[in-house]
Amino acid sequence: MRDKREKFIELANKRVVSAIDKMRLIGNLSDNRYYQYSDADVKKIIDALTKELNSVRAKFQHNKNHKEKEFRLEV
């Protein structure tokens, strides 16, 4: 069981740091000295990122809820 935990920690650390780095790069696109964008462009970017973050949250919540459910028949 410890191996699964260690693997989770190893991969989570790498992947979260990578995701944060990529998000910072996306944030760099806001510098209007170098880039031109519209409010619609910004909305599409934010909506896509929010949708994916919500999907990740739902996956973790689903796994948590799935494990906590009990089944019991009653008379």
Protein backbone atom coordinates (compact mmCIF):
# COMPACT_ATOMS: atom_id res chain seq x y z
CA MET A 1 0.00 0.00 0.00
CA ARG A 2 2.84 2.38 0.76
CA ASP A 3 4.16 2.01 -2.77
CA LYS A 4 0.89 3.38 -4.17
CA ARG A 5 1.07 6.36 -1.80
CA GLU A 6 4.68 7.09 -2.67
CA LYS A 7 3.92 6.85 -6.39
CA PHE A 8 0.92 9.18 -5.96
CA ILE A 9 3.05 11.76 -4.13
CA GLU A 10 5.84 11.55 -6.69
CA LEU A 11 3.53 11.98 -9.67
CA ALA A 12 1.28 14.58 -8.02
CA ASN A 13 4.27 16.76 -7.14
CA LYS A 14 5.61 16.63 -10.69
CA ARG A 15 2.25 17.07 -12.41
CA VAL A 16 0.93 19.87 -10.22
CA VAL A 17 4.17 21.85 -10.55
CA SER A 18 4.04 21.32 -14.31
CA ALA A 19 0.39 22.42 -14.49
CA ILE A 20 1.13 25.56 -12.44
CA ASP A 21 4.09 26.39 -14.69
CA LYS A 22 1.89 26.03 -17.79
CA MET A 23 -0.80 28.22 -16.23
CA ARG A 24 1.79 30.90 -15.51
CA LEU A 25 2.84 30.76 -19.15
CA ILE A 26 -0.79 31.25 -20.15
CA GLY A 27 -0.91 34.22 -17.77
CA ASN A 28 2.10 35.70 -19.54
CA LEU A 29 -0.10 36.03 -22.63
CA SER A 30 -1.88 38.88 -20.82
CA ASP A 31 1.05 41.22 -21.52
CA ASN A 32 -0.45 43.51 -24.13
CA ARG A 33 2.96 44.90 -25.04
CA TYR A 34 3.55 41.65 -26.92
CA TYR A 35 0.11 40.17 -27.57
CA GLN A 36 -3.28 41.32 -28.77
CA TYR A 37 -6.39 39.55 -27.55
CA SER A 38 -10.08 40.16 -27.04
CA ASP A 39 -12.33 39.71 -24.04
CA ALA A 40 -13.85 36.76 -25.91
CA ASP A 41 -10.39 35.15 -26.17
CA VAL A 42 -9.84 35.57 -22.44
CA LYS A 43 -13.28 34.13 -21.66
CA LYS A 44 -12.58 31.06 -23.83
CA ILE A 45 -9.26 30.46 -22.10
CA ILE A 46 -10.67 30.90 -18.58
CA ASP A 47 -13.73 28.77 -19.39
CA ALA A 48 -11.57 25.94 -20.77
CA LEU A 49 -9.27 25.97 -17.74
CA THR A 50 -12.18 26.15 -15.31
CA LYS A 51 -13.96 23.29 -17.05
CA GLU A 52 -10.88 21.09 -16.83
CA LEU A 53 -10.22 21.99 -13.19
CA ASN A 54 -13.83 21.15 -12.35
CA SER A 55 -13.39 17.83 -14.14
CA VAL A 56 -10.32 17.01 -12.05
CA ARG A 57 -12.16 18.01 -8.87
CA ALA A 58 -15.12 15.80 -9.83
CA LYS A 59 -12.84 12.81 -10.42
CA PHE A 60 -11.34 13.10 -6.95
CA GLN A 61 -14.74 13.73 -5.38
CA HIS A 62 -16.28 10.77 -7.23
CA ASN A 63 -13.56 8.43 -6.00
CA LYS A 64 -13.99 9.73 -2.45
CA ASN A 65 -17.77 9.39 -2.56
CA HIS A 66 -17.59 6.01 -4.23
CA LYS A 67 -15.47 4.59 -1.43
CA GLU A 68 -17.61 6.08 1.34
CA LYS A 69 -20.93 4.67 0.11
CA GLU A 70 -22.42 1.83 2.03
CA PHE A 71 -24.85 -0.75 0.78
CA ARG A 72 -27.40 -2.20 3.13
CA LEU A 73 -30.69 -3.95 2.50
CA GLU A 74 -33.47 -3.36 4.97
CA VAL A 75 -36.71 -5.17 5.71
